[in-house]
């Protein structure tokens, strides 16, 4: 599940994914395939190092908080950095609108 908005700015049926700010990204797998990953049933397949580097990059871009899913790794509770547990987010990372402050420079073609 990788989802932001359609070209008209909507994301039906989601009402929170409007105008390309809020989005969902599949979790990154250790095997580096694009297959879906359900971290509630296969937590050891989550590539935590790459996932948290992606989160760091998204923070630099202007995102501050994410919705994820609390899992158990090595018999200990684990939550991705800058993330809060949210039901039904066991198969994707949700980029939150709260606290978003775009940190990029738009380059226009001449």
PDB file of N, CA and C in Angstrom:
ATOM      1  N   UNK A   1       0.839  -1.176   0.000  1.00  0.00           N
ATOM      2  CA  UNK A   1       0.000   0.000   0.000  1.00  0.00           C
ATOM      3  C   UNK A   1       0.883   1.238   0.000  1.00  0.00           C
ATOM      4  N   UNK A   2       0.987   1.880  -1.093  1.00  0.00           N
ATOM      5  CA  UNK A   2       1.620   3.197  -1.196  1.00  0.00           C
ATOM      6  C   UNK A   2       0.552   4.104  -1.747  1.00  0.00           C
ATOM      7  N   UNK A   3       0.142   5.062  -0.960  1.00  0.00           N
ATOM      8  CA  UNK A   3      -1.003   5.870  -1.374  1.00  0.00           C
ATOM      9  C   UNK A   3      -0.880   7.302  -0.880  1.00  0.00           C
ATOM     10  N   UNK A   4      -1.055   8.222  -1.797  1.00  0.00           N
ATOM     11  CA  UNK A   4      -1.167   9.638  -1.445  1.00  0.00           C
ATOM     12  C   UNK A   4      -2.499  10.121  -2.012  1.00  0.00           C
ATOM     13  N   UNK A   5      -2.483  10.857  -3.107  1.00  0.00           N
ATOM     14  CA  UNK A   5      -3.730  11.357  -3.678  1.00  0.00           C
ATOM     15  C   UNK A   5      -3.743  11.164  -5.187  1.00  0.00           C
ATOM     16  N   UNK A   6      -4.927  11.285  -5.733  1.00  0.00           N
ATOM     17  CA  UNK A   6      -5.058  11.236  -7.180  1.00  0.00           C
ATOM     18  C   UNK A   6      -4.728  12.610  -7.754  1.00  0.00           C
ATOM     19  N   UNK A   7      -4.703  12.724  -9.076  1.00  0.00           N
ATOM     20  CA  UNK A   7      -4.324  14.001  -9.688  1.00  0.00           C
ATOM     21  C   UNK A   7      -5.303  15.126  -9.402  1.00  0.00           C
ATOM     22  N   UNK A   8      -6.539  14.787  -8.951  1.00  0.00           N
ATOM     23  CA  UNK A   8      -7.486  15.852  -8.617  1.00  0.00           C
ATOM     24  C   UNK A   8      -7.412  16.241  -7.135  1.00  0.00           C
ATOM     25  N   UNK A   9      -6.443  15.675  -6.392  1.00  0.00           N
ATOM     26  CA  UNK A   9      -6.230  16.076  -5.008  1.00  0.00           C
ATOM     27  C   UNK A   9      -7.036  15.311  -3.982  1.00  0.00           C
ATOM     28  N   UNK A  10      -7.814  14.324  -4.406  1.00  0.00           N
ATOM     29  CA  UNK A  10      -8.596  13.530  -3.459  1.00  0.00           C
ATOM     30  C   UNK A  10      -7.989  12.141  -3.315  1.00  0.00           C
ATOM     31  N   UNK A  11      -8.423  11.440  -2.312  1.00  0.00           N
ATOM     32  CA  UNK A  11      -7.927  10.085  -2.070  1.00  0.00           C
ATOM     33  C   UNK A  11      -9.066   9.198  -1.583  1.00  0.00           C
ATOM     34  N   UNK A  12     -10.127   9.166  -2.327  1.00  0.00           N
ATOM     35  CA  UNK A  12     -11.309   8.390  -1.937  1.00  0.00           C
ATOM     36  C   UNK A  12     -10.903   6.937  -1.774  1.00  0.00           C
ATOM     37  N   UNK A  13     -11.263   6.256  -0.691  1.00  0.00           N
ATOM     38  CA  UNK A  13     -12.255   6.648   0.296  1.00  0.00           C
ATOM     39  C   UNK A  13     -11.689   7.434   1.479  1.00  0.00           C
ATOM     40  N   UNK A  14     -10.375   7.617   1.549  1.00  0.00           N
ATOM     41  CA  UNK A  14      -9.791   8.317   2.683  1.00  0.00           C
ATOM     42  C   UNK A  14     -10.140   9.798   2.650  1.00  0.00           C
ATOM     43  N   UNK A  15     -10.496  10.321   3.817  1.00  0.00           N
ATOM     44  CA  UNK A  15     -10.764  11.762   3.913  1.00  0.00           C
ATOM     45  C   UNK A  15      -9.552  12.505   4.479  1.00  0.00           C
ATOM     46  N   UNK A  16      -8.542  11.754   4.948  1.00  0.00           N
ATOM     47  CA  UNK A  16      -7.366  12.409   5.521  1.00  0.00           C
ATOM     48  C   UNK A  16      -6.250  12.602   4.501  1.00  0.00           C
ATOM     49  N   UNK A  17      -6.322  11.933   3.373  1.00  0.00           N
ATOM     50  CA  UNK A  17      -5.260  12.019   2.360  1.00  0.00           C
ATOM     51  C   UNK A  17      -5.676  13.023   1.286  1.00  0.00           C
ATOM     52  N   UNK A  18      -5.485  14.282   1.568  1.00  0.00           N
ATOM     53  CA  UNK A  18      -5.923  15.325   0.640  1.00  0.00           C
ATOM     54  C   UNK A  18      -4.726  16.176   0.218  1.00  0.00           C
ATOM     55  N   UNK A  19      -4.658  16.505  -1.050  1.00  0.00           N
ATOM     56  CA  UNK A  19      -3.655  17.415  -1.608  1.00  0.00           C
ATOM     57  C   UNK A  19      -2.211  16.957  -1.453  1.00  0.00           C
ATOM     58  N   UNK A  20      -1.988  15.657  -1.343  1.00  0.00           N
ATOM     59  CA  UNK A  20      -0.632  15.120  -1.369  1.00  0.00           C
ATOM     60  C   UNK A  20       0.213  15.317  -0.141  1.00  0.00           C
ATOM     61  N   UNK A  21      -0.340  15.798   0.953  1.00  0.00           N
ATOM     62  CA  UNK A  21       0.459  15.989   2.167  1.00  0.00           C
ATOM     63  C   UNK A  21       0.508  14.708   2.982  1.00  0.00           C
ATOM     64  N   UNK A  22      -0.628  14.105   3.224  1.00  0.00           N
ATOM     65  CA  UNK A  22      -0.718  12.887   4.019  1.00  0.00           C
ATOM     66  C   UNK A  22      -0.595  11.688   3.083  1.00  0.00           C
ATOM     67  N   UNK A  23       0.153  10.681   3.519  1.00  0.00           N
ATOM     68  CA  UNK A  23       0.311   9.516   2.661  1.00  0.00           C
ATOM     69  C   UNK A  23       0.638   8.260   3.433  1.00  0.00           C
ATOM     70  N   UNK A  24       0.588   7.138   2.743  1.00  0.00           N
ATOM     71  CA  UNK A  24       0.909   5.841   3.309  1.00  0.00           C
ATOM     72  C   UNK A  24       2.029   5.209   2.497  1.00  0.00           C
ATOM     73  N   UNK A  25       2.966   4.578   3.190  1.00  0.00           N
ATOM     74  CA  UNK A  25       4.073   3.876   2.540  1.00  0.00           C
ATOM     75  C   UNK A  25       4.194   2.479   3.118  1.00  0.00           C
ATOM     76  N   UNK A  26       4.423   1.501   2.260  1.00  0.00           N
ATOM     77  CA  UNK A  26       4.668   0.138   2.744  1.00  0.00           C
ATOM     78  C   UNK A  26       5.916   0.130   3.616  1.00  0.00           C
ATOM     79  N   UNK A  27       5.923  -0.801   4.564  1.00  0.00           N
ATOM     80  CA  UNK A  27       7.121  -0.995   5.374  1.00  0.00           C
ATOM     81  C   UNK A  27       8.222  -1.601   4.515  1.00  0.00           C
ATOM     82  N   UNK A  28       9.467  -1.258   4.830  1.00  0.00           N
ATOM     83  CA  UNK A  28      10.615  -1.777   4.096  1.00  0.00           C
ATOM     84  C   UNK A  28      11.010  -3.141   4.653  1.00  0.00           C
ATOM     85  N   UNK A  29      11.172  -4.067   3.746  1.00  0.00           N
ATOM     86  CA  UNK A  29      11.471  -5.451   4.108  1.00  0.00           C
ATOM     87  C   UNK A  29      12.977  -5.722   4.086  1.00  0.00           C
ATOM     88  N   UNK A  30      13.419  -6.657   4.928  1.00  0.00           N
ATOM     89  CA  UNK A  30      14.824  -7.054   4.921  1.00  0.00           C
ATOM     90  C   UNK A  30      15.228  -7.672   3.593  1.00  0.00           C
ATOM     91  N   UNK A  31      14.304  -8.376   2.941  1.00  0.00           N
ATOM     92  CA  UNK A  31      14.650  -9.013   1.665  1.00  0.00           C
ATOM     93  C   UNK A  31      14.596  -8.022   0.493  1.00  0.00           C
ATOM     94  N   UNK A  32      14.255  -6.775   0.774  1.00  0.00           N
ATOM     95  CA  UNK A  32      14.228  -5.668  -0.192  1.00  0.00           C
ATOM     96  C   UNK A  32      13.263  -5.877  -1.354  1.00  0.00           C
ATOM     97  N   UNK A  33      12.295  -6.777  -1.189  1.00  0.00           N
ATOM     98  CA  UNK A  33      11.262  -6.916  -2.201  1.00  0.00           C
ATOM     99  C   UNK A  33      10.180  -5.878  -1.941  1.00  0.00           C
ATOM    100  N   UNK A  34       9.283  -5.726  -2.910  1.00  0.00           N
ATOM    101  CA  UNK A  34       8.190  -4.763  -2.743  1.00  0.00           C
ATOM    102  C   UNK A  34       6.915  -5.442  -2.248  1.00  0.00           C
ATOM    103  N   UNK A  35       7.028  -6.691  -1.867  1.00  0.00           N
ATOM    104  CA  UNK A  35       5.862  -7.413  -1.355  1.00  0.00           C
ATOM    105  C   UNK A  35       5.367  -6.748  -0.076  1.00  0.00           C
ATOM    106  N   UNK A  36       4.064  -6.785   0.161  1.00  0.00           N
ATOM    107  CA  UNK A  36       3.536  -6.217   1.407  1.00  0.00           C
ATOM    108  C   UNK A  36       4.160  -6.888   2.630  1.00  0.00           C
ATOM    109  N   UNK A  37       4.253  -6.150   3.706  1.00  0.00           N
ATOM    110  CA  UNK A  37       4.761  -6.684   4.969  1.00  0.00           C
ATOM    111  C   UNK A  37       3.773  -6.352   6.076  1.00  0.00           C
ATOM    112  N   UNK A  38       3.321  -7.367   6.767  1.00  0.00           N
ATOM    113  CA  UNK A  38       2.423  -7.212   7.910  1.00  0.00           C
ATOM    114  C   UNK A  38       3.282  -7.377   9.162  1.00  0.00           C
ATOM    115  N   UNK A  39       3.654  -6.259   9.762  1.00  0.00           N
ATOM    116  CA  UNK A  39       4.602  -6.314  10.872  1.00  0.00           C
ATOM    117  C   UNK A  39       4.000  -6.919  12.137  1.00  0.00           C
ATOM    118  N   UNK A  40       2.685  -7.048  12.187  1.00  0.00           N
ATOM    119  CA  UNK A  40       2.070  -7.690  13.349  1.00  0.00           C
ATOM    120  C   UNK A  40       2.277  -9.204  13.315  1.00  0.00           C
ATOM    121  N   UNK A  41       2.429  -9.781  12.129  1.00  0.00           N
ATOM    122  CA  UNK A  41       2.621 -11.232  12.026  1.00  0.00           C
ATOM    123  C   UNK A  41       4.047 -11.603  11.623  1.00  0.00           C
ATOM    124  N   UNK A  42       4.789 -10.686  11.009  1.00  0.00           N
ATOM    125  CA  UNK A  42       6.169 -10.942  10.575  1.00  0.00           C
ATOM    126  C   UNK A  42       7.107  -9.800  10.984  1.00  0.00           C
ATOM    127  N   UNK A  43       7.172  -9.493  12.266  1.00  0.00           N
ATOM    128  CA  UNK A  43       7.974  -8.335  12.689  1.00  0.00           C
ATOM    129  C   UNK A  43       9.451  -8.454  12.364  1.00  0.00           C
ATOM    130  N   UNK A  44       9.976  -9.668  12.310  1.00  0.00           N
ATOM    131  CA  UNK A  44      11.402  -9.843  12.047  1.00  0.00           C
ATOM    132  C   UNK A  44      11.773  -9.590  10.593  1.00  0.00           C
ATOM    133  N   UNK A  45      10.783  -9.417   9.726  1.00  0.00           N
ATOM    134  CA  UNK A  45      11.058  -9.086   8.324  1.00  0.00           C
ATOM    135  C   UNK A  45      11.224  -7.582   8.111  1.00  0.00           C
ATOM    136  N   UNK A  46      10.870  -6.775   9.117  1.00  0.00           N
ATOM    137  CA  UNK A  46      10.993  -5.324   9.012  1.00  0.00           C
ATOM    138  C   UNK A  46      12.467  -4.920   9.034  1.00  0.00           C
ATOM    139  N   UNK A  47      12.896  -4.172   8.033  1.00  0.00           N
ATOM    140  CA  UNK A  47      14.259  -3.660   7.981  1.00  0.00           C
ATOM    141  C   UNK A  47      14.277  -2.343   8.759  1.00  0.00           C
ATOM    142  N   UNK A  48      14.497  -2.459  10.050  1.00  0.00           N
ATOM    143  CA  UNK A  48      14.404  -1.308  10.951  1.00  0.00           C
ATOM    144  C   UNK A  48      15.407  -0.224  10.577  1.00  0.00           C
ATOM    145  N   UNK A  49      16.630  -0.600  10.251  1.00  0.00           N
ATOM    146  CA  UNK A  49      17.654   0.397   9.922  1.00  0.00           C
ATOM    147  C   UNK A  49      17.248   1.226   8.704  1.00  0.00           C
ATOM    148  N   UNK A  50      16.840   0.582   7.627  1.00  0.00           N
ATOM    149  CA  UNK A  50      16.421   1.326   6.431  1.00  0.00           C
ATOM    150  C   UNK A  50      15.142   2.109   6.688  1.00  0.00           C
ATOM    151  N   UNK A  51      14.203   1.507   7.446  1.00  0.00           N
ATOM    152  CA  UNK A  51      12.937   2.179   7.724  1.00  0.00           C
ATOM    153  C   UNK A  51      13.167   3.461   8.507  1.00  0.00           C
ATOM    154  N   UNK A  52      14.046   3.403   9.493  1.00  0.00           N
ATOM    155  CA  UNK A  52      14.295   4.595  10.300  1.00  0.00           C
ATOM    156  C   UNK A  52      15.134   5.630   9.543  1.00  0.00           C
ATOM    157  N   UNK A  53      15.954   5.211   8.595  1.00  0.00           N
ATOM    158  CA  UNK A  53      16.647   6.174   7.724  1.00  0.00           C
ATOM    159  C   UNK A  53      15.634   6.888   6.838  1.00  0.00           C
ATOM    160  N   UNK A  54      14.635   6.155   6.355  1.00  0.00           N
ATOM    161  CA  UNK A  54      13.579   6.774   5.561  1.00  0.00           C
ATOM    162  C   UNK A  54      12.806   7.776   6.415  1.00  0.00           C
ATOM    163  N   UNK A  55      12.491   7.411   7.650  1.00  0.00           N
ATOM    164  CA  UNK A  55      11.802   8.328   8.556  1.00  0.00           C
ATOM    165  C   UNK A  55      12.651   9.584   8.771  1.00  0.00           C
ATOM    166  N   UNK A  56      13.966   9.420   8.960  1.00  0.00           N
ATOM    167  CA  UNK A  56      14.858  10.580   9.123  1.00  0.00           C
ATOM    168  C   UNK A  56      14.782  11.493   7.903  1.00  0.00           C
ATOM    169  N   UNK A  57      14.766  10.903   6.703  1.00  0.00           N
ATOM    170  CA  UNK A  57      14.682  11.701   5.478  1.00  0.00           C
ATOM    171  C   UNK A  57      13.350  12.430   5.393  1.00  0.00           C
ATOM    172  N   UNK A  58      12.271  11.764   5.788  1.00  0.00           N
ATOM    173  CA  UNK A  58      10.950  12.396   5.773  1.00  0.00           C
ATOM    174  C   UNK A  58      10.865  13.535   6.781  1.00  0.00           C
ATOM    175  N   UNK A  59      11.538  13.385   7.916  1.00  0.00           N
ATOM    176  CA  UNK A  59      11.591  14.457   8.914  1.00  0.00           C
ATOM    177  C   UNK A  59      12.319  15.664   8.325  1.00  0.00           C
ATOM    178  N   UNK A  60      13.413  15.426   7.609  1.00  0.00           N
ATOM    179  CA  UNK A  60      14.126  16.533   6.969  1.00  0.00           C
ATOM    180  C   UNK A  60      13.252  17.239   5.938  1.00  0.00           C
ATOM    181  N   UNK A  61      12.360  16.484   5.316  1.00  0.00           N
ATOM    182  CA  UNK A  61      11.458  17.047   4.313  1.00  0.00           C
ATOM    183  C   UNK A  61      10.335  17.856   4.956  1.00  0.00           C
ATOM    184  N   UNK A  62      10.062  17.630   6.245  1.00  0.00           N
ATOM    185  CA  UNK A  62       9.054  18.426   6.942  1.00  0.00           C
ATOM    186  C   UNK A  62       8.045  17.643   7.755  1.00  0.00           C
ATOM    187  N   UNK A  63       8.067  16.313   7.666  1.00  0.00           N
ATOM    188  CA  UNK A  63       7.151  15.508   8.481  1.00  0.00           C
ATOM    189  C   UNK A  63       7.715  15.378   9.884  1.00  0.00           C
ATOM    190  N   UNK A  64       6.829  15.378  10.871  1.00  0.00           N
ATOM    191  CA  UNK A  64       7.277  15.296  12.261  1.00  0.00           C
ATOM    192  C   UNK A  64       6.812  14.014  12.945  1.00  0.00           C
ATOM    193  N   UNK A  65       5.599  13.565  12.624  1.00  0.00           N
ATOM    194  CA  UNK A  65       5.047  12.402  13.306  1.00  0.00           C
ATOM    195  C   UNK A  65       4.467  11.423  12.299  1.00  0.00           C
ATOM    196  N   UNK A  66       4.422  10.163  12.729  1.00  0.00           N
ATOM    197  CA  UNK A  66       3.966   9.077  11.876  1.00  0.00           C
ATOM    198  C   UNK A  66       3.063   8.154  12.682  1.00  0.00           C
ATOM    199  N   UNK A  67       2.192   7.461  11.988  1.00  0.00           N
ATOM    200  CA  UNK A  67       1.375   6.427  12.617  1.00  0.00           C
ATOM    201  C   UNK A  67       1.911   5.089  12.144  1.00  0.00           C
ATOM    202  N   UNK A  68       2.116   4.201  13.093  1.00  0.00           N
ATOM    203  CA  UNK A  68       2.666   2.891  12.800  1.00  0.00           C
ATOM    204  C   UNK A  68       1.938   1.867  13.659  1.00  0.00           C
ATOM    205  N   UNK A  69       2.615   0.796  13.999  1.00  0.00           N
ATOM    206  CA  UNK A  69       2.003  -0.284  14.753  1.00  0.00           C
ATOM    207  C   UNK A  69       3.042  -0.824  15.728  1.00  0.00           C
ATOM    208  N   UNK A  70       2.682  -0.926  16.982  1.00  0.00           N
ATOM    209  CA  UNK A  70       3.583  -1.443  18.005  1.00  0.00           C
ATOM    210  C   UNK A  70       3.768  -2.947  17.805  1.00  0.00           C
ATOM    211  N   UNK A  71       5.028  -3.381  17.781  1.00  0.00           N
ATOM    212  CA  UNK A  71       5.322  -4.798  17.569  1.00  0.00           C
ATOM    213  C   UNK A  71       6.257  -5.294  18.659  1.00  0.00           C
ATOM    214  N   UNK A  72       6.512  -6.581  18.660  1.00  0.00           N
ATOM    215  CA  UNK A  72       7.449  -7.189  19.592  1.00  0.00           C
ATOM    216  C   UNK A  72       8.614  -7.766  18.796  1.00  0.00           C
ATOM    217  N   UNK A  73       9.828  -7.353  19.160  1.00  0.00           N
ATOM    218  CA  UNK A  73      11.040  -7.877  18.542  1.00  0.00           C
ATOM    219  C   UNK A  73      11.966  -8.315  19.669  1.00  0.00           C
ATOM    220  N   UNK A  74      12.449  -9.549  19.584  1.00  0.00           N
ATOM    221  CA  UNK A  74      13.299 -10.126  20.637  1.00  0.00           C
ATOM    222  C   UNK A  74      12.628 -10.030  22.005  1.00  0.00           C
ATOM    223  N   UNK A  75      11.338 -10.318  22.027  1.00  0.00           N
ATOM    224  CA  UNK A  75      10.540 -10.321  23.266  1.00  0.00           C
ATOM    225  C   UNK A  75      10.443  -8.958  23.938  1.00  0.00           C
ATOM    226  N   UNK A  76      10.668  -7.882  23.176  1.00  0.00           N
ATOM    227  CA  UNK A  76      10.552  -6.534  23.723  1.00  0.00           C
ATOM    228  C   UNK A  76       9.635  -5.708  22.829  1.00  0.00           C
ATOM    229  N   UNK A  77       8.815  -4.827  23.432  1.00  0.00           N
ATOM    230  CA  UNK A  77       7.973  -3.957  22.616  1.00  0.00           C
ATOM    231  C   UNK A  77       8.850  -3.012  21.790  1.00  0.00           C
ATOM    232  N   UNK A  78       8.419  -2.752  20.566  1.00  0.00           N
ATOM    233  CA  UNK A  78       9.186  -1.887  19.680  1.00  0.00           C
ATOM    234  C   UNK A  78       8.247  -0.977  18.903  1.00  0.00           C
ATOM    235  N   UNK A  79       8.673   0.284  18.771  1.00  0.00           N
ATOM    236  CA  UNK A  79       7.925   1.272  17.999  1.00  0.00           C
ATOM    237  C   UNK A  79       8.936   2.048  17.161  1.00  0.00           C
ATOM    238  N   UNK A  80       8.625   2.240  15.892  1.00  0.00           N
ATOM    239  CA  UNK A  80       9.501   3.031  15.040  1.00  0.00           C
ATOM    240  C   UNK A  80       9.618   4.450  15.575  1.00  0.00           C
ATOM    241  N   UNK A  81      10.764   5.079  15.349  1.00  0.00           N
ATOM    242  CA  UNK A  81      11.004   6.433  15.851  1.00  0.00           C
ATOM    243  C   UNK A  81       9.963   7.405  15.308  1.00  0.00           C
ATOM    244  N   UNK A  82       9.629   8.381  16.113  1.00  0.00           N
ATOM    245  CA  UNK A  82       8.676   9.452  15.781  1.00  0.00           C
ATOM    246  C   UNK A  82       7.285   8.922  15.460  1.00  0.00           C
ATOM    247  N   UNK A  83       6.990   7.703  15.875  1.00  0.00           N
ATOM    248  CA  UNK A  83       5.714   7.070  15.527  1.00  0.00           C
ATOM    249  C   UNK A  83       4.877   6.783  16.750  1.00  0.00           C
ATOM    250  N   UNK A  84       3.579   6.737  16.520  1.00  0.00           N
ATOM    251  CA  UNK A  84       2.612   6.342  17.539  1.00  0.00           C
ATOM    252  C   UNK A  84       1.860   5.127  17.026  1.00  0.00           C
ATOM    253  N   UNK A  85       1.485   4.270  17.961  1.00  0.00           N
ATOM    254  CA  UNK A  85       0.706   3.087  17.597  1.00  0.00           C
ATOM    255  C   UNK A  85      -0.685   3.516  17.147  1.00  0.00           C
ATOM    256  N   UNK A  86      -1.138   2.898  16.078  1.00  0.00           N
ATOM    257  CA  UNK A  86      -2.484   3.171  15.578  1.00  0.00           C
ATOM    258  C   UNK A  86      -3.030   1.898  14.955  1.00  0.00           C
ATOM    259  N   UNK A  87      -4.261   1.551  15.312  1.00  0.00           N
ATOM    260  CA  UNK A  87      -4.893   0.338  14.791  1.00  0.00           C
ATOM    261  C   UNK A  87      -4.892   0.342  13.267  1.00  0.00           C
ATOM    262  N   UNK A  88      -4.831  -0.820  12.692  1.00  0.00           N
ATOM    263  CA  UNK A  88      -4.874  -1.016  11.236  1.00  0.00           C
ATOM    264  C   UNK A  88      -3.691  -0.397  10.497  1.00  0.00           C
ATOM    265  N   UNK A  89      -2.604  -0.136  11.184  1.00  0.00           N
ATOM    266  CA  UNK A  89      -1.397   0.370  10.521  1.00  0.00           C
ATOM    267  C   UNK A  89      -0.269  -0.652  10.618  1.00  0.00           C
ATOM    268  N   UNK A  90      -0.657  -1.925  10.642  1.00  0.00           N
ATOM    269  CA  UNK A  90       0.299  -3.026  10.700  1.00  0.00           C
ATOM    270  C   UNK A  90       0.887  -3.344   9.327  1.00  0.00           C
ATOM    271  N   UNK A  91       0.382  -2.698   8.274  1.00  0.00           N
ATOM    272  CA  UNK A  91       0.897  -2.968   6.926  1.00  0.00           C
ATOM    273  C   UNK A  91       1.377  -1.707   6.214  1.00  0.00           C
ATOM    274  N   UNK A  92       1.386  -0.572   6.904  1.00  0.00           N
ATOM    275  CA  UNK A  92       1.912   0.640   6.281  1.00  0.00           C
ATOM    276  C   UNK A  92       2.248   1.709   7.321  1.00  0.00           C
ATOM    277  N   UNK A  93       3.173   2.570   6.939  1.00  0.00           N
ATOM    278  CA  UNK A  93       3.548   3.739   7.729  1.00  0.00           C
ATOM    279  C   UNK A  93       2.740   4.922   7.208  1.00  0.00           C
ATOM    280  N   UNK A  94       2.105   5.625   8.110  1.00  0.00           N
ATOM    281  CA  UNK A  94       1.257   6.757   7.737  1.00  0.00           C
ATOM    282  C   UNK A  94       2.003   8.054   8.036  1.00  0.00           C
ATOM    283  N   UNK A  95       2.148   8.906   7.034  1.00  0.00           N
ATOM    284  CA  UNK A  95       2.773  10.212   7.201  1.00  0.00           C
ATOM    285  C   UNK A  95       1.700  11.183   7.665  1.00  0.00           C
ATOM    286  N   UNK A  96       1.887  11.744   8.847  1.00  0.00           N
ATOM    287  CA  UNK A  96       0.883  12.597   9.477  1.00  0.00           C
ATOM    288  C   UNK A  96       0.918  14.034   8.966  1.00  0.00           C
ATOM    289  N   UNK A  97      -0.242  14.640   8.934  1.00  0.00           N
ATOM    290  CA  UNK A  97      -0.350  16.059   8.602  1.00  0.00           C
ATOM    291  C   UNK A  97       0.011  16.919   9.823  1.00  0.00           C
ATOM    292  N   UNK A  98      -0.286  16.413  11.036  1.00  0.00           N
ATOM    293  CA  UNK A  98      -0.015  17.175  12.251  1.00  0.00           C
ATOM    294  C   UNK A  98       1.472  17.469  12.353  1.00  0.00           C
ATOM    295  N   UNK A  99       1.796  18.730  12.481  1.00  0.00           N
ATOM    296  CA  UNK A  99       3.177  19.144  12.623  1.00  0.00           C
ATOM    297  C   UNK A  99       3.929  19.264  11.310  1.00  0.00           C
ATOM    298  N   UNK A 100       3.283  18.902  10.201  1.00  0.00           N
ATOM    299  CA  UNK A 100       3.973  18.972   8.904  1.00  0.00           C
ATOM    300  C   UNK A 100       4.289  20.425   8.572  1.00  0.00           C
ATOM    301  N   UNK A 101       5.522  20.654   8.213  1.00  0.00           N
ATOM    302  CA  UNK A 101       5.971  21.984   7.817  1.00  0.00           C
ATOM    303  C   UNK A 101       6.957  21.772   6.678  1.00  0.00           C
ATOM    304  N   UNK A 102       6.482  21.937   5.466  1.00  0.00           N
ATOM    305  CA  UNK A 102       7.308  21.613   4.306  1.00  0.00           C
ATOM    306  C   UNK A 102       8.661  22.294   4.389  1.00  0.00           C
ATOM    307  N   UNK A 103       9.667  21.528   4.101  1.00  0.00           N
ATOM    308  CA  UNK A 103      11.029  22.010   4.184  1.00  0.00           C
ATOM    309  C   UNK A 103      11.731  21.688   2.869  1.00  0.00           C
ATOM    310  N   UNK A 104      11.275  22.356   1.827  1.00  0.00           N
ATOM    311  CA  UNK A 104      11.876  22.156   0.517  1.00  0.00           C
ATOM    312  C   UNK A 104      11.773  23.450  -0.270  1.00  0.00           C
ATOM    313  N   UNK A 105      12.551  23.520  -1.318  1.00  0.00           N
ATOM    314  CA  UNK A 105      12.526  24.681  -2.194  1.00  0.00           C
ATOM    315  C   UNK A 105      11.991  24.212  -3.536  1.00  0.00           C
ATOM    316  N   UNK A 106      10.938  24.852  -4.003  1.00  0.00           N
ATOM    317  CA  UNK A 106      10.358  24.497  -5.293  1.00  0.00           C
ATOM    318  C   UNK A 106      11.182  25.149  -6.399  1.00  0.00           C
ATOM    319  N   UNK A 107      11.620  24.349  -7.335  1.00  0.00           N
ATOM    320  CA  UNK A 107      12.389  24.845  -8.484  1.00  0.00           C
ATOM    321  C   UNK A 107      11.457  24.832  -9.697  1.00  0.00           C
ATOM    322  N   UNK A 108      11.250  25.984 -10.258  1.00  0.00           N
ATOM    323  CA  UNK A 108      10.344  26.088 -11.397  1.00  0.00           C
ATOM    324  C   UNK A 108      11.133  26.113 -12.702  1.00  0.00           C
ATOM    325  N   UNK A 109      10.584  25.450 -13.699  1.00  0.00           N
ATOM    326  CA  UNK A 109      11.227  25.443 -15.017  1.00  0.00           C
ATOM    327  C   UNK A 109      11.122  26.831 -15.635  1.00  0.00           C
ATOM    328  N   UNK A 110      12.123  27.186 -16.394  1.00  0.00           N
ATOM    329  CA  UNK A 110      12.111  28.505 -17.050  1.00  0.00           C
ATOM    330  C   UNK A 110      11.634  28.358 -18.467  1.00  0.00           C
TER     331      UNK A 110
END
